[in-house]
Amino acid sequence: MPMTESHLRCPNCNKEWISEIVWGFPGHYDKYLEEQIERKEIILGGCLVTDHDPKWECNNCYHRWGERDE
């Protein structure tokens, strides 16, 4: 059974407070995006995008893992 975003657990500390890392320059920075950042639903990963950027970050231990989608 595939793991959904709502059931993600950190492979390092086993906590469920996980943020998706968004890579690249956010072209549409608005109040909704700002609220998602404040709630730590997403994290801005930066503008330098590589082929091996992680997709998830634990808000508890800051462990990063996974591979971002293209």
Protein backbone atom coordinates (compact mmCIF):
# COMPACT_ATOMS: atom_id res chain seq x y z
CA MET A 1 0.00 0.00 0.00
CA PRO A 2 1.58 3.33 -1.02
CA MET A 3 2.26 5.85 1.71
CA THR A 4 0.19 9.02 1.44
CA GLU A 5 1.44 12.42 2.51
CA SER A 6 -0.92 12.42 5.48
CA HIS A 7 0.72 9.21 6.79
CA LEU A 8 4.36 10.13 6.32
CA ARG A 9 6.72 9.42 9.18
CA CYS A 10 10.30 10.56 9.48
CA PRO A 11 12.64 7.61 8.89
CA ASN A 12 15.02 9.11 11.47
CA CYS A 13 12.77 9.93 14.49
CA ASN A 14 9.41 8.37 13.46
CA LYS A 15 7.47 11.63 14.00
CA GLU A 16 4.62 12.65 11.67
CA TRP A 17 5.25 16.42 11.55
CA ILE A 18 6.58 16.53 7.99
CA SER A 19 6.96 19.39 5.49
CA GLU A 20 7.20 19.09 1.74
CA ILE A 21 10.26 20.90 0.37
CA VAL A 22 9.48 23.16 -2.58
CA TRP A 23 12.48 23.82 -4.81
CA GLY A 24 12.98 26.71 -7.21
CA PHE A 25 11.93 30.34 -7.05
CA PRO A 26 8.30 30.68 -5.88
CA GLY A 27 6.81 32.65 -8.74
CA HIS A 28 3.47 33.11 -7.02
CA TYR A 29 4.18 34.16 -3.42
CA ASP A 30 0.87 35.05 -1.84
CA LYS A 31 -0.91 34.93 1.53
CA TYR A 32 -1.86 31.25 1.04
CA LEU A 33 1.78 30.25 0.42
CA GLU A 34 2.88 32.35 3.39
CA GLU A 35 0.33 30.58 5.63
CA GLN A 36 1.56 27.15 4.45
CA ILE A 37 5.11 28.18 5.33
CA GLU A 38 4.05 29.47 8.75
CA ARG A 39 2.23 26.18 9.50
CA LYS A 40 5.35 24.30 8.29
CA GLU A 41 3.34 22.42 5.69
CA ILE A 42 5.96 23.39 3.13
CA ILE A 43 9.54 24.61 3.28
CA LEU A 44 11.24 26.63 0.56
CA GLY A 45 14.32 24.64 -0.43
CA GLY A 46 16.04 27.33 -2.45
CA CYS A 47 16.54 28.37 -6.04
CA LEU A 48 19.42 26.03 -6.89
CA VAL A 49 17.77 22.84 -8.08
CA THR A 50 19.76 19.64 -8.67
CA ASP A 51 18.92 16.09 -9.69
CA HIS A 52 19.14 14.84 -6.10
CA ASP A 53 17.07 17.25 -4.00
CA PRO A 54 15.05 15.76 -1.11
CA LYS A 55 11.26 15.99 -1.10
CA TRP A 56 10.52 15.89 2.66
CA GLU A 57 11.86 17.45 5.85
CA CYS A 58 10.99 16.46 9.40
CA ASN A 59 9.97 19.47 11.51
CA ASN A 60 11.13 17.62 14.62
CA CYS A 61 14.70 16.50 13.79
CA TYR A 62 15.20 18.30 10.40
CA HIS A 63 16.10 15.06 8.61
CA ARG A 64 15.60 15.32 4.83
CA TRP A 65 14.79 12.41 2.54
CA GLY A 66 13.00 11.30 -0.61
CA GLU A 67 13.38 12.63 -4.12
CA ARG A 68 11.50 15.62 -5.40
CA ASP A 69 9.13 15.28 -8.33
CA GLU A 70 10.02 16.90 -11.59
